[in-house]
Amino acid sequence: QTMFPLADRTSPSVSPYHSSLIRYNTIGGAQWKTAGQWLEWDVYVEESGLYNIAAHFKQSLKTNDVSIRELYIDGRLPFAEASELSV
């Protein structure tokens, strides 16, 4: 287990945000560096339908580099663009 919560106060766009208090609002940081690592959530959905899924991520470990993530739902890529979510 290499992922653990961190506090990021570099931008109010990271939620929850507070300028002086510590808010654990980030996962990974420098520990998120090995190919193949993933995060997983179990989400209960009462009703089938269309839902908005939002993610906020940044790459600040390598200058001028891109970080690419994939989104899987029920073990599958739900649409082609979910295979290349990038910063």
Protein backbone atom coordinates (compact mmCIF):
# COMPACT_ATOMS: atom_id res chain seq x y z
CA GLN A 1 0.00 0.00 0.00
CA THR A 2 1.80 3.05 -1.27
CA MET A 3 -1.11 5.48 -1.58
CA PHE A 4 -2.19 7.61 1.33
CA PRO A 5 -4.02 10.93 1.79
CA LEU A 6 -2.13 14.20 1.55
CA ALA A 7 -2.98 17.87 1.95
CA ASP A 8 -2.68 20.10 -1.15
CA ARG A 9 -3.01 23.86 -0.59
CA THR A 10 -1.58 24.91 -3.95
CA SER A 11 -4.94 25.71 -5.55
CA PRO A 12 -8.50 26.43 -4.37
CA SER A 13 -9.68 24.17 -7.19
CA VAL A 14 -8.64 21.18 -5.04
CA SER A 15 -11.53 20.42 -2.73
CA PRO A 16 -11.92 20.60 0.20
CA TYR A 17 -9.63 23.64 0.34
CA HIS A 18 -8.55 25.88 3.18
CA SER A 19 -5.69 28.37 3.01
CA SER A 20 -4.31 27.63 6.49
CA LEU A 21 -5.97 24.46 7.85
CA ILE A 22 -4.90 20.99 6.78
CA ARG A 23 -7.51 19.27 4.60
CA TYR A 24 -6.71 15.80 3.29
CA ASN A 25 -7.80 16.28 -0.31
CA THR A 26 -5.18 14.46 -2.39
CA ILE A 27 -4.00 10.88 -2.84
CA GLY A 28 -0.60 9.74 -3.99
CA GLY A 29 1.75 12.64 -4.54
CA ALA A 30 5.30 11.36 -5.03
CA GLN A 31 4.08 7.82 -4.26
CA TRP A 32 1.98 7.82 -7.46
CA LYS A 33 4.92 7.07 -9.76
CA THR A 34 4.85 3.41 -10.75
CA ALA A 35 3.08 2.29 -13.92
CA GLY A 36 0.10 0.08 -13.16
CA GLN A 37 -0.92 1.70 -9.86
CA TRP A 38 -4.64 2.37 -9.45
CA LEU A 39 -7.29 3.65 -7.10
CA GLU A 40 -10.62 1.93 -6.76
CA TRP A 41 -13.95 2.98 -5.28
CA ASP A 42 -17.13 1.01 -4.72
CA VAL A 43 -20.08 3.24 -5.59
CA TYR A 44 -23.72 2.31 -5.05
CA VAL A 45 -26.05 3.71 -7.71
CA GLU A 46 -29.76 3.52 -6.90
CA GLU A 47 -30.97 4.17 -10.42
CA SER A 48 -29.44 3.51 -13.83
CA GLY A 49 -28.93 6.55 -16.02
CA LEU A 50 -26.38 9.15 -17.05
CA TYR A 51 -24.11 10.55 -14.35
CA ASN A 52 -21.31 13.11 -14.32
CA ILE A 53 -18.00 11.81 -12.99
CA ALA A 54 -15.36 14.41 -12.21
CA ALA A 55 -11.70 13.99 -11.36
CA HIS A 56 -9.08 16.59 -10.55
CA PHE A 57 -5.50 15.52 -11.06
CA LYS A 58 -2.16 17.15 -11.75
CA GLN A 59 1.34 16.13 -12.65
CA SER A 60 4.03 18.19 -10.93
CA LEU A 61 6.87 15.69 -10.56
CA LYS A 62 8.28 15.93 -14.12
CA THR A 63 8.60 19.29 -15.85
CA ASN A 64 6.88 19.46 -19.26
CA ASP A 65 5.62 15.87 -18.98
CA VAL A 66 2.14 14.45 -19.38
CA SER A 67 0.31 12.20 -16.96
CA ILE A 68 -2.27 9.85 -18.46
CA ARG A 69 -4.95 8.02 -16.49
CA GLU A 70 -7.63 5.53 -17.48
CA LEU A 71 -11.18 5.32 -16.14
CA TYR A 72 -12.78 1.91 -15.76
CA ILE A 73 -16.37 1.26 -14.71
CA ASP A 74 -17.22 -2.33 -13.77
CA GLY A 75 -13.82 -3.40 -15.13
CA ARG A 76 -14.39 -1.88 -18.59
CA LEU A 77 -13.51 1.34 -20.38
CA PRO A 78 -16.95 2.97 -20.79
CA PHE A 79 -15.92 4.96 -23.91
CA ALA A 80 -12.75 5.47 -25.98
CA GLU A 81 -11.78 8.80 -24.38
CA ALA A 82 -11.67 7.13 -20.93
CA SER A 83 -8.42 5.43 -21.96
CA GLU A 84 -6.48 8.71 -22.20
CA LEU A 85 -7.43 11.16 -19.46
CA SER A 86 -4.41 13.46 -19.38
CA VAL A 87 -2.97 16.53 -17.73
